[in-house]
PDB file of all heavy atoms in Angstrom:
ATOM      1  N   ASP A   1      97.886  99.741 111.699  1.00  0.00           N
ATOM      2  CA  ASP A   1      98.137  98.571 110.850  1.00  0.00           C
ATOM      3  C   ASP A   1      99.371  97.822 111.342  1.00  0.00           C
ATOM      4  O   ASP A   1     100.310  98.427 111.881  1.00  0.00           O
ATOM      5  CB  ASP A   1      98.353  98.993 109.396  1.00  0.00           C
ATOM      6  CG  ASP A   1      97.073  99.427 108.705  1.00  0.00           C
ATOM      7  OD1 ASP A   1      95.982  99.150 109.250  1.00  0.00           O
ATOM      8  OD2 ASP A   1      97.159 100.037 107.618  1.00  0.00           O
ATOM      9  N   GLU A   2      99.376  96.512 111.138  1.00  0.00           N
ATOM     10  CA  GLU A   2     100.466  95.676 111.648  1.00  0.00           C
ATOM     11  C   GLU A   2     101.294  95.086 110.503  1.00  0.00           C
ATOM     12  O   GLU A   2     100.758  94.659 109.478  1.00  0.00           O
ATOM     13  CB  GLU A   2      99.910  94.537 112.496  1.00  0.00           C
ATOM     14  CG  GLU A   2      99.233  95.001 113.770  1.00  0.00           C
ATOM     15  CD  GLU A   2      98.607  93.875 114.551  1.00  0.00           C
ATOM     16  OE1 GLU A   2      98.540  92.736 114.023  1.00  0.00           O
ATOM     17  OE2 GLU A   2      98.172  94.126 115.687  1.00  0.00           O
ATOM     18  N   VAL A   3     102.603  95.066 110.734  1.00  0.00           N
ATOM     19  CA  VAL A   3     103.555  94.409 109.831  1.00  0.00           C
ATOM     20  C   VAL A   3     104.265  93.330 110.634  1.00  0.00           C
ATOM     21  O   VAL A   3     104.827  93.611 111.698  1.00  0.00           O
ATOM     22  CB  VAL A   3     104.584  95.415 109.276  1.00  0.00           C
ATOM     23  CG1 VAL A   3     105.630  94.689 108.433  1.00  0.00           C
ATOM     24  CG2 VAL A   3     103.895  96.499 108.455  1.00  0.00           C
ATOM     25  N   LEU A   4     104.249  92.094 110.137  1.00  0.00           N
ATOM     26  CA  LEU A   4     104.903  90.991 110.831  1.00  0.00           C
ATOM     27  C   LEU A   4     106.291  90.751 110.248  1.00  0.00           C
ATOM     28  O   LEU A   4     106.440  90.512 109.043  1.00  0.00           O
ATOM     29  CB  LEU A   4     104.080  89.708 110.706  1.00  0.00           C
ATOM     30  CG  LEU A   4     102.656  89.718 111.259  1.00  0.00           C
ATOM     31  CD1 LEU A   4     102.064  88.311 111.179  1.00  0.00           C
ATOM     32  CD2 LEU A   4     102.622  90.224 112.698  1.00  0.00           C
ATOM     33  N   ILE A   5     107.318  90.833 111.107  1.00  0.00           N
ATOM     34  CA  ILE A   5     108.667  90.443 110.739  1.00  0.00           C
ATOM     35  C   ILE A   5     109.127  89.427 111.784  1.00  0.00           C
ATOM     36  O   ILE A   5     108.302  88.785 112.420  1.00  0.00           O
ATOM     37  CB  ILE A   5     109.614  91.668 110.647  1.00  0.00           C
ATOM     38  CG1 ILE A   5     109.713  92.399 111.993  1.00  0.00           C
ATOM     39  CG2 ILE A   5     109.155  92.626 109.564  1.00  0.00           C
ATOM     40  CD1 ILE A   5     110.802  93.463 112.023  1.00  0.00           C
ATOM     41  N   ASN A   6     110.425  89.255 111.975  1.00  0.00           N
ATOM     42  CA  ASN A   6     110.943  88.376 113.028  1.00  0.00           C
ATOM     43  C   ASN A   6     112.363  88.794 113.351  1.00  0.00           C
ATOM     44  O   ASN A   6     112.980  89.557 112.606  1.00  0.00           O
ATOM     45  CB  ASN A   6     110.869  86.905 112.607  1.00  0.00           C
ATOM     46  CG  ASN A   6     111.746  86.610 111.414  1.00  0.00           C
ATOM     47  OD1 ASN A   6     112.923  86.286 111.547  1.00  0.00           O
ATOM     48  ND2 ASN A   6     111.175  86.740 110.203  1.00  0.00           N
ATOM     49  N   LYS A   7     112.884  88.294 114.458  1.00  0.00           N
ATOM     50  CA  LYS A   7     114.197  88.737 114.911  1.00  0.00           C
ATOM     51  C   LYS A   7     115.343  88.249 114.043  1.00  0.00           C
ATOM     52  O   LYS A   7     116.474  88.708 114.202  1.00  0.00           O
ATOM     53  CB  LYS A   7     114.421  88.296 116.361  1.00  0.00           C
ATOM     54  CG  LYS A   7     113.538  89.031 117.364  1.00  0.00           C
ATOM     55  CD  LYS A   7     113.840  88.572 118.781  1.00  0.00           C
ATOM     56  CE  LYS A   7     112.954  89.304 119.784  1.00  0.00           C
ATOM     57  NZ  LYS A   7     113.212  88.849 121.179  1.00  0.00           N
ATOM     58  N   GLY A   8     115.065  87.330 113.130  1.00  0.00           N
ATOM     59  CA  GLY A   8     116.106  86.821 112.250  1.00  0.00           C
ATOM     60  C   GLY A   8     116.230  87.566 110.945  1.00  0.00           C
ATOM     61  O   GLY A   8     116.961  87.131 110.055  1.00  0.00           O
ATOM     62  N   GLU A   9     115.552  88.704 110.825  1.00  0.00           N
ATOM     63  CA  GLU A   9     115.599  89.450 109.568  1.00  0.00           C
ATOM     64  C   GLU A   9     116.833  90.350 109.483  1.00  0.00           C
ATOM     65  O   GLU A   9     117.290  90.886 110.485  1.00  0.00           O
ATOM     66  CB  GLU A   9     114.337  90.302 109.399  1.00  0.00           C
ATOM     67  CG  GLU A   9     113.082  89.496 109.131  1.00  0.00           C
ATOM     68  CD  GLU A   9     113.198  88.619 107.901  1.00  0.00           C
ATOM     69  OE1 GLU A   9     113.572  89.135 106.824  1.00  0.00           O
ATOM     70  OE2 GLU A   9     112.928  87.407 108.020  1.00  0.00           O
ATOM     71  N   HIS A  10     117.305  90.534 108.258  1.00  0.00           N
ATOM     72  CA  HIS A  10     118.412  91.445 107.968  1.00  0.00           C
ATOM     73  C   HIS A  10     117.963  92.882 108.206  1.00  0.00           C
ATOM     74  O   HIS A  10     116.780  93.212 108.092  1.00  0.00           O
ATOM     75  CB  HIS A  10     118.836  91.255 106.509  1.00  0.00           C
ATOM     76  CG  HIS A  10     120.080  91.972 106.119  1.00  0.00           C
ATOM     77  ND1 HIS A  10     120.101  93.316 105.799  1.00  0.00           N
ATOM     78  CD2 HIS A  10     121.355  91.534 105.968  1.00  0.00           C
ATOM     79  CE1 HIS A  10     121.334  93.666 105.474  1.00  0.00           C
ATOM     80  NE2 HIS A  10     122.111  92.612 105.571  1.00  0.00           N
ATOM     81  N   ALA A  11     118.903  93.745 108.530  1.00  0.00           N
ATOM     82  CA  ALA A  11     118.598  95.155 108.813  1.00  0.00           C
ATOM     83  C   ALA A  11     117.784  95.814 107.702  1.00  0.00           C
ATOM     84  O   ALA A  11     116.937  96.680 107.966  1.00  0.00           O
ATOM     85  CB  ALA A  11     119.902  95.937 109.018  1.00  0.00           C
ATOM     86  N   SER A  12     118.007  95.415 106.463  1.00  0.00           N
ATOM     87  CA  SER A  12     117.302  96.029 105.329  1.00  0.00           C
ATOM     88  C   SER A  12     115.816  95.726 105.335  1.00  0.00           C
ATOM     89  O   SER A  12     115.031  96.447 104.720  1.00  0.00           O
ATOM     90  CB  SER A  12     117.904  95.546 104.008  1.00  0.00           C
ATOM     91  OG  SER A  12     119.266  95.902 103.931  1.00  0.00           O
ATOM     92  N   ASN A  13     115.434  94.648 106.016  1.00  0.00           N
ATOM     93  CA  ASN A  13     114.017  94.290 106.134  1.00  0.00           C
ATOM     94  C   ASN A  13     113.493  94.566 107.536  1.00  0.00           C
ATOM     95  O   ASN A  13     112.464  94.025 107.934  1.00  0.00           O
ATOM     96  CB  ASN A  13     113.799  92.825 105.765  1.00  0.00           C
ATOM     97  CG  ASN A  13     112.340  92.503 105.475  1.00  0.00           C
ATOM     98  OD1 ASN A  13     111.573  93.352 105.018  1.00  0.00           O
ATOM     99  ND2 ASN A  13     111.949  91.267 105.741  1.00  0.00           N
ATOM    100  N   VAL A  14     114.199  95.410 108.264  1.00  0.00           N
ATOM    101  CA  VAL A  14     113.778  95.806 109.613  1.00  0.00           C
ATOM    102  C   VAL A  14     113.714  97.330 109.736  1.00  0.00           C
ATOM    103  O   VAL A  14     112.663  97.904 110.050  1.00  0.00           O
ATOM    104  CB  VAL A  14     114.726  95.239 110.688  1.00  0.00           C
ATOM    105  CG1 VAL A  14     114.338  95.753 112.076  1.00  0.00           C
ATOM    106  CG2 VAL A  14     114.722  93.718 110.680  1.00  0.00           C
ATOM    107  N   LEU A  15     114.850  97.972 109.479  1.00  0.00           N
ATOM    108  CA  LEU A  15     114.936  99.416 109.730  1.00  0.00           C
ATOM    109  C   LEU A  15     113.922 100.245 108.936  1.00  0.00           C
ATOM    110  O   LEU A  15     113.310 101.173 109.506  1.00  0.00           O
ATOM    111  CB  LEU A  15     116.356  99.907 109.464  1.00  0.00           C
ATOM    112  CG  LEU A  15     117.418  99.386 110.456  1.00  0.00           C
ATOM    113  CD1 LEU A  15     118.808  99.824 110.036  1.00  0.00           C
ATOM    114  CD2 LEU A  15     117.118  99.857 111.870  1.00  0.00           C
ATOM    115  N   PRO A  16     113.680  99.971 107.646  1.00  0.00           N
ATOM    116  CA  PRO A  16     112.660 100.768 106.954  1.00  0.00           C
ATOM    117  C   PRO A  16     111.272 100.640 107.584  1.00  0.00           C
ATOM    118  O   PRO A  16     110.515 101.617 107.634  1.00  0.00           O
ATOM    119  CB  PRO A  16     112.681 100.209 105.528  1.00  0.00           C
ATOM    120  CG  PRO A  16     114.039  99.630 105.371  1.00  0.00           C
ATOM    121  CD  PRO A  16     114.380  99.070 106.715  1.00  0.00           C
ATOM    122  N   TRP A  17     110.943  99.449 108.079  1.00  0.00           N
ATOM    123  CA  TRP A  17     109.651  99.267 108.757  1.00  0.00           C
ATOM    124  C   TRP A  17     109.622 100.062 110.057  1.00  0.00           C
ATOM    125  O   TRP A  17     108.578 100.628 110.430  1.00  0.00           O
ATOM    126  CB  TRP A  17     109.390  97.796 109.031  1.00  0.00           C
ATOM    127  CG  TRP A  17     109.239  96.930 107.819  1.00  0.00           C
ATOM    128  CD1 TRP A  17     110.061  95.907 107.423  1.00  0.00           C
ATOM    129  CD2 TRP A  17     108.199  97.007 106.826  1.00  0.00           C
ATOM    130  NE1 TRP A  17     109.602  95.349 106.254  1.00  0.00           N
ATOM    131  CE2 TRP A  17     108.455  96.000 105.866  1.00  0.00           C
ATOM    132  CE3 TRP A  17     107.081  97.837 106.662  1.00  0.00           C
ATOM    133  CZ2 TRP A  17     107.635  95.791 104.755  1.00  0.00           C
ATOM    134  CZ3 TRP A  17     106.269  97.631 105.560  1.00  0.00           C
ATOM    135  CH2 TRP A  17     106.539  96.625 104.625  1.00  0.00           C
ATOM    136  N   PHE A  18     110.758 100.103 110.759  1.00  0.00           N
ATOM    137  CA  PHE A  18     110.823 100.885 111.994  1.00  0.00           C
ATOM    138  C   PHE A  18     110.607 102.375 111.714  1.00  0.00           C
ATOM    139  O   PHE A  18     109.998 103.086 112.515  1.00  0.00           O
ATOM    140  CB  PHE A  18     112.169 100.678 112.684  1.00  0.00           C
ATOM    141  CG  PHE A  18     112.293  99.377 113.438  1.00  0.00           C
ATOM    142  CD1 PHE A  18     113.476  99.048 114.087  1.00  0.00           C
ATOM    143  CD2 PHE A  18     111.245  98.479 113.514  1.00  0.00           C
ATOM    144  CE1 PHE A  18     113.607  97.865 114.800  1.00  0.00           C
ATOM    145  CE2 PHE A  18     111.359  97.280 114.212  1.00  0.00           C
ATOM    146  CZ  PHE A  18     112.549  96.975 114.859  1.00  0.00           C
ATOM    147  N   VAL A  19     111.143 102.833 110.573  1.00  0.00           N
ATOM    148  CA  VAL A  19     110.927 104.236 110.190  1.00  0.00           C
ATOM    149  C   VAL A  19     109.437 104.492 109.977  1.00  0.00           C
ATOM    150  O   VAL A  19     108.889 105.501 110.455  1.00  0.00           O
ATOM    151  CB  VAL A  19     111.726 104.582 108.922  1.00  0.00           C
ATOM    152  CG1 VAL A  19     111.347 105.974 108.405  1.00  0.00           C
ATOM    153  CG2 VAL A  19     113.234 104.529 109.203  1.00  0.00           C
ATOM    154  N   LEU A  20     108.757 103.580 109.276  1.00  0.00           N
ATOM    155  CA  LEU A  20     107.311 103.744 109.074  1.00  0.00           C
ATOM    156  C   LEU A  20     106.551 103.675 110.394  1.00  0.00           C
ATOM    157  O   LEU A  20     105.532 104.349 110.572  1.00  0.00           O
ATOM    158  CB  LEU A  20     106.770 102.671 108.123  1.00  0.00           C
ATOM    159  CG  LEU A  20     107.110 102.791 106.640  1.00  0.00           C
ATOM    160  CD1 LEU A  20     106.167 101.918 105.814  1.00  0.00           C
ATOM    161  CD2 LEU A  20     107.050 104.223 106.141  1.00  0.00           C
ATOM    162  N   GLN A  21     107.039 102.859 111.312  1.00  0.00           N
ATOM    163  CA  GLN A  21     106.396 102.765 112.624  1.00  0.00           C
ATOM    164  C   GLN A  21     106.411 104.118 113.323  1.00  0.00           C
ATOM    165  O   GLN A  21     105.418 104.529 113.938  1.00  0.00           O
ATOM    166  CB  GLN A  21     107.106 101.711 113.474  1.00  0.00           C
ATOM    167  CG  GLN A  21     106.472 101.473 114.835  1.00  0.00           C
ATOM    168  CD  GLN A  21     107.044 100.249 115.521  1.00  0.00           C
ATOM    169  OE1 GLN A  21     106.346  99.289 115.786  1.00  0.00           O
ATOM    170  NE2 GLN A  21     108.342 100.268 115.816  1.00  0.00           N
ATOM    171  N   LYS A  22     107.534 104.829 113.202  1.00  0.00           N
ATOM    172  CA  LYS A  22     107.624 106.159 113.809  1.00  0.00           C
ATOM    173  C   LYS A  22     106.784 107.182 113.056  1.00  0.00           C
ATOM    174  O   LYS A  22     106.118 108.025 113.665  1.00  0.00           O
ATOM    175  CB  LYS A  22     109.086 106.622 113.852  1.00  0.00           C
ATOM    176  CG  LYS A  22     109.929 105.928 114.912  1.00  0.00           C
ATOM    177  CD  LYS A  22     111.311 106.569 114.986  1.00  0.00           C
ATOM    178  CE  LYS A  22     112.123 105.976 116.136  1.00  0.00           C
ATOM    179  NZ  LYS A  22     113.436 106.632 116.287  1.00  0.00           N
ATOM    180  N   GLU A  23     106.845 107.118 111.734  1.00  0.00           N
ATOM    181  CA  GLU A  23     106.180 108.141 110.930  1.00  0.00           C
ATOM    182  C   GLU A  23     104.662 107.950 110.853  1.00  0.00           C
ATOM    183  O   GLU A  23     103.910 108.925 110.910  1.00  0.00           O
ATOM    184  CB  GLU A  23     106.762 108.149 109.515  1.00  0.00           C
ATOM    185  CG  GLU A  23     108.195 108.648 109.440  1.00  0.00           C
ATOM    186  CD  GLU A  23     108.706 108.720 108.008  1.00  0.00           C
ATOM    187  OE1 GLU A  23     107.980 108.284 107.078  1.00  0.00           O
ATOM    188  OE2 GLU A  23     109.833 109.207 107.810  1.00  0.00           O
ATOM    189  N   LEU A  24     104.226 106.713 110.703  1.00  0.00           N
ATOM    190  CA  LEU A  24     102.808 106.440 110.473  1.00  0.00           C
ATOM    191  C   LEU A  24     102.087 105.871 111.687  1.00  0.00           C
ATOM    192  O   LEU A  24     100.864 105.717 111.676  1.00  0.00           O
ATOM    193  CB  LEU A  24     102.640 105.450 109.301  1.00  0.00           C
ATOM    194  CG  LEU A  24     103.248 105.843 107.955  1.00  0.00           C
ATOM    195  CD1 LEU A  24     102.955 104.753 106.925  1.00  0.00           C
ATOM    196  CD2 LEU A  24     102.714 107.190 107.480  1.00  0.00           C
ATOM    197  N   LYS A  25     102.867 105.500 112.719  1.00  0.00           N
ATOM    198  CA  LYS A  25     102.315 104.861 113.918  1.00  0.00           C
ATOM    199  C   LYS A  25     101.680 103.509 113.602  1.00  0.00           C
ATOM    200  O   LYS A  25     100.671 103.118 114.186  1.00  0.00           O
ATOM    201  CB  LYS A  25     101.302 105.788 114.610  1.00  0.00           C
ATOM    202  CG  LYS A  25     101.937 107.083 115.112  1.00  0.00           C
ATOM    203  CD  LYS A  25     100.933 107.947 115.864  1.00  0.00           C
ATOM    204  CE  LYS A  25     101.589 109.219 116.366  1.00  0.00           C
ATOM    205  NZ  LYS A  25     100.637 110.122 117.057  1.00  0.00           N
ATOM    206  N   ILE A  26     102.293 102.801 112.634  1.00  0.00           N
ATOM    207  CA  ILE A  26     101.924 101.407 112.446  1.00  0.00           C
ATOM    208  C   ILE A  26     102.595 100.593 113.539  1.00  0.00           C
ATOM    209  O   ILE A  26     103.405 101.119 114.322  1.00  0.00           O
ATOM    210  CB  ILE A  26     102.360 100.896 111.057  1.00  0.00           C
ATOM    211  CG1 ILE A  26     103.899 100.927 110.933  1.00  0.00           C
ATOM    212  CG2 ILE A  26     101.698 101.692 109.942  1.00  0.00           C
ATOM    213  CD1 ILE A  26     104.437 100.207 109.714  1.00  0.00           C
ATOM    214  N   LYS A  27     102.304  99.297 113.602  1.00  0.00           N
ATOM    215  CA  LYS A  27     102.908  98.434 114.614  1.00  0.00           C
ATOM    216  C   LYS A  27     103.717  97.345 113.930  1.00  0.00           C
ATOM    217  O   LYS A  27     103.183  96.587 113.102  1.00  0.00           O
ATOM    218  CB  LYS A  27     101.838  97.799 115.502  1.00  0.00           C
ATOM    219  CG  LYS A  27     102.415  96.987 116.652  1.00  0.00           C
ATOM    220  CD  LYS A  27     101.333  96.497 117.594  1.00  0.00           C
ATOM    221  CE  LYS A  27     101.932  95.740 118.774  1.00  0.00           C
ATOM    222  NZ  LYS A  27     100.877  95.239 119.698  1.00  0.00           N
ATOM    223  N   VAL A  28     105.008  97.284 114.222  1.00  0.00           N
ATOM    224  CA  VAL A  28     105.874  96.238 113.695  1.00  0.00           C
ATOM    225  C   VAL A  28     106.006  95.152 114.766  1.00  0.00           C
ATOM    226  O   VAL A  28     106.478  95.412 115.872  1.00  0.00           O
ATOM    227  CB  VAL A  28     107.257  96.791 113.317  1.00  0.00           C
ATOM    228  CG1 VAL A  28     108.150  95.677 112.777  1.00  0.00           C
ATOM    229  CG2 VAL A  28     107.125  97.909 112.282  1.00  0.00           C
TER     230      VAL A  28
END
């Protein structure tokens, strides 16, 4: 599954998604 963010996002809206990317193998 894919989650769309962007490079202008605050860490709070980036790092938790990165954790899910590692744990669930989703794609950010």
